[in-house]
Amino acid sequence: MANDFKVDTSTLQMINTFYDLHKDWFKKNIETAIFVGIRKGAEENYIIEDLGETGVVCLRLEVWHKNCEECKDDIMYSPIIRMDMREMPNRFVDKSIDLIFAKQVLEHVSKEEAEILLRSWTKIARKMVIVETPKGEYKQGPIDGNPYEVHKCALYEQDFENAGYMCYTGGYDHEDLRHLLGVWIP
C-alpha cells in the first residue's frame, strides 16, 4: 500500500500536496484525525475543513494558549484540545486515531523527545502518520511571544527511517531551507 502514494518534492509544502494528491483516499479511509499544532491562517487549515465536511472527526492539539484562543472559532467542526504533544503517548491509547498530521512541530522539542514522538505516533495511529519538518538545523526563536516556537532540534532522513517512516526531502535547490516529509503506513 505504501508504494501507492506519490510525493511531490518540488515544493516546501509537501504535506499539503501529499494530501491534494491523495484526497480521495483520505476521504474514503479516514474517520478520525489529529492535527498537531495549530495557528490561525495556517496553509493546512483547508485540509481540516475539507475532511470535516465529509464527516471526519478532526481534533486539533495546541499547547500555546494564544493560538488556542485565536483559533477556537475558525473551523466549525474541529475542536481544539490544549495539550503539549509530548503528552500524547500518555493520553491516547494504541490504534485509537486513523491519522496523525504533524506539520512543523517536531523541531520545537528536543531530539530525544522528537524520536519518542515519531515512535509513539505509529502506535496511536491506525492508518497513517504524516510529519513535515525542516531538514537539519534551522534556527528560530520565539515568534509573537510564543516560547514554543523556538527550534530545539535538527532532524534528518535517518531519524524518520529509524522510526519506520518513509522519508522524502523537498524544497527548492536554490534555497538553504529544505523540508522532510515522513510518512508512516502500517
C-alpha atoms as a PDB file:
ATOM      1  CA  MET A   1       0.000   0.000   0.000  1.00  0.00           C
ATOM      2  CA  ALA A   2       2.823   2.448   0.813  1.00  0.00           C
ATOM      3  CA  ASN A   3       4.037   2.385  -2.786  1.00  0.00           C
ATOM      4  CA  ASP A   4       0.613   3.552  -3.966  1.00  0.00           C
ATOM      5  CA  PHE A   5       1.242   7.036  -2.572  1.00  0.00           C
ATOM      6  CA  LYS A   6       3.035   9.690  -4.624  1.00  0.00           C
ATOM      7  CA  VAL A   7       5.030  12.586  -3.168  1.00  0.00           C
ATOM      8  CA  ASP A   8       5.772  15.932  -4.800  1.00  0.00           C
ATOM      9  CA  THR A   9       9.207  17.024  -3.575  1.00  0.00           C
ATOM     10  CA  SER A  10       9.362  20.184  -5.705  1.00  0.00           C
ATOM     11  CA  THR A  11       7.731  22.297  -3.008  1.00  0.00           C
ATOM     12  CA  LEU A  12       8.266  23.180   0.638  1.00  0.00           C
ATOM     13  CA  GLN A  13       4.547  22.456   1.202  1.00  0.00           C
ATOM     14  CA  MET A  14       4.956  18.703   0.739  1.00  0.00           C
ATOM     15  CA  ILE A  15       2.384  17.766   3.364  1.00  0.00           C
ATOM     16  CA  ASN A  16      -0.280  19.863   1.619  1.00  0.00           C
ATOM     17  CA  THR A  17       0.486  18.489  -1.837  1.00  0.00           C
ATOM     18  CA  PHE A  18       0.564  14.945  -0.412  1.00  0.00           C
ATOM     19  CA  TYR A  19      -2.982  15.476   0.807  1.00  0.00           C
ATOM     20  CA  ASP A  20      -4.051  17.015  -2.502  1.00  0.00           C
ATOM     21  CA  LEU A  21      -2.600  14.098  -4.489  1.00  0.00           C
ATOM     22  CA  HIS A  22      -4.444  11.541  -2.325  1.00  0.00           C
ATOM     23  CA  LYS A  23      -7.546  13.450  -1.240  1.00  0.00           C
ATOM     24  CA  ASP A  24      -9.922  10.711  -2.378  1.00  0.00           C
ATOM     25  CA  TRP A  25      -8.059   8.084  -0.321  1.00  0.00           C
ATOM     26  CA  PHE A  26      -8.202  10.264   2.799  1.00  0.00           C
ATOM     27  CA  LYS A  27     -11.906  10.938   2.414  1.00  0.00           C
ATOM     28  CA  LYS A  28     -12.681   7.244   1.888  1.00  0.00           C
ATOM     29  CA  ASN A  29     -10.394   5.751   4.582  1.00  0.00           C
ATOM     30  CA  ILE A  30     -10.073   8.268   7.418  1.00  0.00           C
ATOM     31  CA  GLU A  31     -12.728   8.664  10.131  1.00  0.00           C
ATOM     32  CA  THR A  32     -10.629  10.317  12.857  1.00  0.00           C
ATOM     33  CA  ALA A  33      -7.641  12.636  12.621  1.00  0.00           C
ATOM     34  CA  ILE A  34      -5.426  14.632  14.949  1.00  0.00           C
ATOM     35  CA  PHE A  35      -3.732  17.775  13.697  1.00  0.00           C
ATOM     36  CA  VAL A  36      -0.781  18.599  15.952  1.00  0.00           C
ATOM     37  CA  GLY A  37      -0.008  22.301  16.321  1.00  0.00           C
ATOM     38  CA  ILE A  38      -2.374  24.965  15.034  1.00  0.00           C
ATOM     39  CA  ARG A  39      -2.336  28.614  14.115  1.00  0.00           C
ATOM     40  CA  LYS A  40      -4.797  30.976  12.540  1.00  0.00           C
ATOM     41  CA  GLY A  41      -4.404  31.195   8.784  1.00  0.00           C
ATOM     42  CA  ALA A  42      -2.167  28.118   8.519  1.00  0.00           C
ATOM     43  CA  GLU A  43      -1.840  26.739   4.995  1.00  0.00           C
ATOM     44  CA  GLU A  44      -3.089  23.323   6.086  1.00  0.00           C
ATOM     45  CA  ASN A  45      -6.359  24.546   7.608  1.00  0.00           C
ATOM     46  CA  TYR A  46      -8.136  23.815   4.321  1.00  0.00           C
ATOM     47  CA  ILE A  47      -7.336  20.117   4.870  1.00  0.00           C
ATOM     48  CA  ILE A  48      -9.128  20.152   8.238  1.00  0.00           C
ATOM     49  CA  GLU A  49     -12.113  21.892   6.646  1.00  0.00           C
ATOM     50  CA  ASP A  50     -12.136  19.535   3.667  1.00  0.00           C
ATOM     51  CA  LEU A  51     -12.053  16.392   5.810  1.00  0.00           C
ATOM     52  CA  GLY A  52     -14.524  17.826   8.323  1.00  0.00           C
ATOM     53  CA  GLU A  53     -17.057  18.494   5.573  1.00  0.00           C
ATOM     54  CA  THR A  54     -17.024  14.773   4.748  1.00  0.00           C
ATOM     55  CA  GLY A  55     -17.670  13.772   8.372  1.00  0.00           C
ATOM     56  CA  VAL A  56     -14.112  13.063   9.521  1.00  0.00           C
ATOM     57  CA  VAL A  57     -13.657  13.900  13.204  1.00  0.00           C
ATOM     58  CA  CYS A  58     -10.677  16.278  13.239  1.00  0.00           C
ATOM     59  CA  LEU A  59      -9.171  17.147  16.602  1.00  0.00           C
ATOM     60  CA  ARG A  60      -6.580  19.903  16.839  1.00  0.00           C
ATOM     61  CA  LEU A  61      -3.903  19.823  19.535  1.00  0.00           C
ATOM     62  CA  GLU A  62      -2.121  23.004  20.571  1.00  0.00           C
ATOM     63  CA  VAL A  63      -0.028  23.950  23.586  1.00  0.00           C
ATOM     64  CA  TRP A  64       0.161  27.775  23.264  1.00  0.00           C
ATOM     65  CA  HIS A  65      -2.891  29.375  24.890  1.00  0.00           C
ATOM     66  CA  LYS A  66      -2.943  32.337  22.464  1.00  0.00           C
ATOM     67  CA  ASN A  67      -3.116  30.033  19.429  1.00  0.00           C
ATOM     68  CA  CYS A  68      -5.981  28.138  21.087  1.00  0.00           C
ATOM     69  CA  GLU A  69      -7.846  31.376  21.742  1.00  0.00           C
ATOM     70  CA  GLU A  70      -7.273  32.785  18.235  1.00  0.00           C
ATOM     71  CA  CYS A  71      -8.378  29.559  16.550  1.00  0.00           C
ATOM     72  CA  LYS A  72     -11.294  28.499  18.743  1.00  0.00           C
ATOM     73  CA  ASP A  73     -13.994  29.582  16.279  1.00  0.00           C
ATOM     74  CA  ASP A  74     -12.177  29.424  12.945  1.00  0.00           C
ATOM     75  CA  ILE A  75     -13.041  25.875  11.862  1.00  0.00           C
ATOM     76  CA  MET A  76     -16.570  24.823  12.722  1.00  0.00           C
ATOM     77  CA  TYR A  77     -16.163  21.050  13.102  1.00  0.00           C
ATOM     78  CA  SER A  78     -12.728  20.815  14.635  1.00  0.00           C
ATOM     79  CA  PRO A  79     -12.443  21.180  18.402  1.00  0.00           C
ATOM     80  CA  ILE A  80      -9.160  22.272  19.973  1.00  0.00           C
ATOM     81  CA  ILE A  81      -7.549  20.335  22.802  1.00  0.00           C
ATOM     82  CA  ARG A  82      -4.992  22.383  24.692  1.00  0.00           C
ATOM     83  CA  MET A  83      -2.210  19.898  25.214  1.00  0.00           C
ATOM     84  CA  ASP A  84       1.510  19.553  24.727  1.00  0.00           C
ATOM     85  CA  MET A  85       2.161  16.960  22.013  1.00  0.00           C
ATOM     86  CA  ARG A  86       4.644  15.286  24.360  1.00  0.00           C
ATOM     87  CA  GLU A  87       1.628  14.165  26.425  1.00  0.00           C
ATOM     88  CA  MET A  88       0.113  12.220  23.518  1.00  0.00           C
ATOM     89  CA  PRO A  89       1.676   8.833  24.385  1.00  0.00           C
ATOM     90  CA  ASN A  90       0.010   9.016  27.816  1.00  0.00           C
ATOM     91  CA  ARG A  91      -3.319  10.444  26.658  1.00  0.00           C
ATOM     92  CA  PHE A  92      -4.193   8.362  23.590  1.00  0.00           C
ATOM     93  CA  VAL A  93      -4.474   4.586  23.544  1.00  0.00           C
ATOM     94  CA  ASP A  94      -2.861   2.487  20.833  1.00  0.00           C
ATOM     95  CA  LYS A  95      -4.636   2.420  17.464  1.00  0.00           C
ATOM     96  CA  SER A  96      -7.230   4.990  18.612  1.00  0.00           C
ATOM     97  CA  ILE A  97      -6.872   7.518  15.741  1.00  0.00           C
ATOM     98  CA  ASP A  98      -6.758   6.886  11.989  1.00  0.00           C
ATOM     99  CA  LEU A  99      -4.466   9.765  11.009  1.00  0.00           C
ATOM    100  CA  ILE A 100      -1.910  11.924  12.798  1.00  0.00           C
ATOM    101  CA  PHE A 101      -0.937  15.037  10.873  1.00  0.00           C
ATOM    102  CA  ALA A 102       2.028  16.989  12.267  1.00  0.00           C
ATOM    103  CA  LYS A 103       3.321  19.934  10.265  1.00  0.00           C
ATOM    104  CA  GLN A 104       6.256  21.977  11.556  1.00  0.00           C
ATOM    105  CA  VAL A 105       6.104  20.814  15.178  1.00  0.00           C
ATOM    106  CA  LEU A 106       8.838  18.236  15.868  1.00  0.00           C
ATOM    107  CA  GLU A 107      11.662  20.764  15.581  1.00  0.00           C
ATOM    108  CA  HIS A 108      10.223  22.524  18.663  1.00  0.00           C
ATOM    109  CA  VAL A 109      11.171  19.717  21.093  1.00  0.00           C
ATOM    110  CA  SER A 110      14.457  18.045  21.933  1.00  0.00           C
ATOM    111  CA  LYS A 111      15.869  15.401  19.587  1.00  0.00           C
ATOM    112  CA  GLU A 112      15.119  12.668  22.130  1.00  0.00           C
ATOM    113  CA  GLU A 113      11.516  13.878  22.511  1.00  0.00           C
ATOM    114  CA  ALA A 114      11.105  14.035  18.716  1.00  0.00           C
ATOM    115  CA  GLU A 115      12.309  10.445  18.371  1.00  0.00           C
ATOM    116  CA  ILE A 116       9.906   9.315  21.109  1.00  0.00           C
ATOM    117  CA  LEU A 117       7.011  11.109  19.400  1.00  0.00           C
ATOM    118  CA  LEU A 118       7.780   9.605  15.992  1.00  0.00           C
ATOM    119  CA  ARG A 119       7.606   6.127  17.509  1.00  0.00           C
ATOM    120  CA  SER A 120       4.610   6.770  19.745  1.00  0.00           C
ATOM    121  CA  TRP A 121       2.574   8.208  16.866  1.00  0.00           C
ATOM    122  CA  THR A 122       2.957   4.894  14.988  1.00  0.00           C
ATOM    123  CA  LYS A 123       1.348   3.186  17.979  1.00  0.00           C
ATOM    124  CA  ILE A 124      -1.520   5.668  18.320  1.00  0.00           C
ATOM    125  CA  ALA A 125      -2.369   5.794  14.596  1.00  0.00           C
ATOM    126  CA  ARG A 126      -4.294   3.056  12.827  1.00  0.00           C
ATOM    127  CA  LYS A 127      -3.746   4.060   9.200  1.00  0.00           C
ATOM    128  CA  MET A 128      -1.167   6.822   8.700  1.00  0.00           C
ATOM    129  CA  VAL A 129       1.140   9.388  10.258  1.00  0.00           C
ATOM    130  CA  ILE A 130       2.332  12.342   8.168  1.00  0.00           C
ATOM    131  CA  VAL A 131       5.047  14.636   9.506  1.00  0.00           C
ATOM    132  CA  GLU A 132       6.744  17.622   7.894  1.00  0.00           C
ATOM    133  CA  THR A 133       9.720  19.405   9.425  1.00  0.00           C
ATOM    134  CA  PRO A 134      12.749  21.431   8.338  1.00  0.00           C
ATOM    135  CA  LYS A 135      15.714  19.316   7.263  1.00  0.00           C
ATOM    136  CA  GLY A 136      18.671  19.813   9.546  1.00  0.00           C
ATOM    137  CA  GLU A 137      19.317  22.857  11.661  1.00  0.00           C
ATOM    138  CA  TYR A 138      17.111  25.867  11.070  1.00  0.00           C
ATOM    139  CA  LYS A 139      17.447  28.430  13.832  1.00  0.00           C
ATOM    140  CA  GLN A 140      14.299  30.133  15.074  1.00  0.00           C
ATOM    141  CA  GLY A 141      13.454  31.920  18.303  1.00  0.00           C
ATOM    142  CA  PRO A 142      10.103  32.862  19.848  1.00  0.00           C
ATOM    143  CA  ILE A 143       7.539  34.355  17.462  1.00  0.00           C
ATOM    144  CA  ASP A 144       4.944  36.846  18.722  1.00  0.00           C
ATOM    145  CA  GLY A 145       5.882  35.992  22.297  1.00  0.00           C
ATOM    146  CA  ASN A 146       5.288  32.263  21.808  1.00  0.00           C
ATOM    147  CA  PRO A 147       8.116  30.406  23.570  1.00  0.00           C
ATOM    148  CA  TYR A 148       7.053  27.125  21.938  1.00  0.00           C
ATOM    149  CA  GLU A 149       8.181  28.446  18.521  1.00  0.00           C
ATOM    150  CA  VAL A 150      11.869  28.035  19.407  1.00  0.00           C
ATOM    151  CA  HIS A 151      13.590  25.348  17.338  1.00  0.00           C
ATOM    152  CA  LYS A 152      15.318  22.885  19.652  1.00  0.00           C
ATOM    153  CA  CYS A 153      16.492  20.097  17.379  1.00  0.00           C
ATOM    154  CA  ALA A 154      17.615  19.239  13.889  1.00  0.00           C
ATOM    155  CA  LEU A 155      16.066  16.246  12.158  1.00  0.00           C
ATOM    156  CA  TYR A 156      17.361  14.248   9.209  1.00  0.00           C
ATOM    157  CA  GLU A 157      16.145  11.425   6.969  1.00  0.00           C
ATOM    158  CA  GLN A 158      17.739   8.793   9.204  1.00  0.00           C
ATOM    159  CA  ASP A 159      15.645   9.935  12.193  1.00  0.00           C
ATOM    160  CA  PHE A 160      12.457   9.144  10.281  1.00  0.00           C
ATOM    161  CA  GLU A 161      13.766   5.927   8.782  1.00  0.00           C
ATOM    162  CA  ASN A 162      14.893   4.681  12.215  1.00  0.00           C
ATOM    163  CA  ALA A 163      11.294   5.084  13.408  1.00  0.00           C
ATOM    164  CA  GLY A 164       9.861   3.157  10.423  1.00  0.00           C
ATOM    165  CA  TYR A 165       8.826   6.092   8.220  1.00  0.00           C
ATOM    166  CA  MET A 166       9.388   6.583   4.521  1.00  0.00           C
ATOM    167  CA  CYS A 167      11.182   9.907   4.216  1.00  0.00           C
ATOM    168  CA  TYR A 168      11.324  12.422   1.385  1.00  0.00           C
ATOM    169  CA  THR A 169      13.346  15.620   1.043  1.00  0.00           C
ATOM    170  CA  GLY A 170      11.757  18.563  -0.689  1.00  0.00           C
ATOM    171  CA  GLY A 171      12.116  22.226  -1.358  1.00  0.00           C
ATOM    172  CA  TYR A 172      13.954  24.350  -3.803  1.00  0.00           C
ATOM    173  CA  ASP A 173      17.549  23.733  -4.853  1.00  0.00           C
ATOM    174  CA  HIS A 174      18.367  27.448  -4.787  1.00  0.00           C
ATOM    175  CA  GLU A 175      17.365  27.855  -1.121  1.00  0.00           C
ATOM    176  CA  ASP A 176      19.095  26.671   2.010  1.00  0.00           C
ATOM    177  CA  LEU A 177      15.810  25.639   3.604  1.00  0.00           C
ATOM    178  CA  ARG A 178      14.740  22.099   2.758  1.00  0.00           C
ATOM    179  CA  HIS A 179      11.919  20.120   4.336  1.00  0.00           C
ATOM    180  CA  LEU A 180      11.492  16.480   5.239  1.00  0.00           C
ATOM    181  CA  LEU A 181       8.221  14.623   4.801  1.00  0.00           C
ATOM    182  CA  GLY A 182       7.892  11.488   6.867  1.00  0.00           C
ATOM    183  CA  VAL A 183       5.055   9.081   6.067  1.00  0.00           C
ATOM    184  CA  TRP A 184       4.273   6.042   8.167  1.00  0.00           C
ATOM    185  CA  ILE A 185       1.769   3.456   6.943  1.00  0.00           C
ATOM    186  CA  PRO A 186       1.336   0.141   8.784  1.00  0.00           C
END
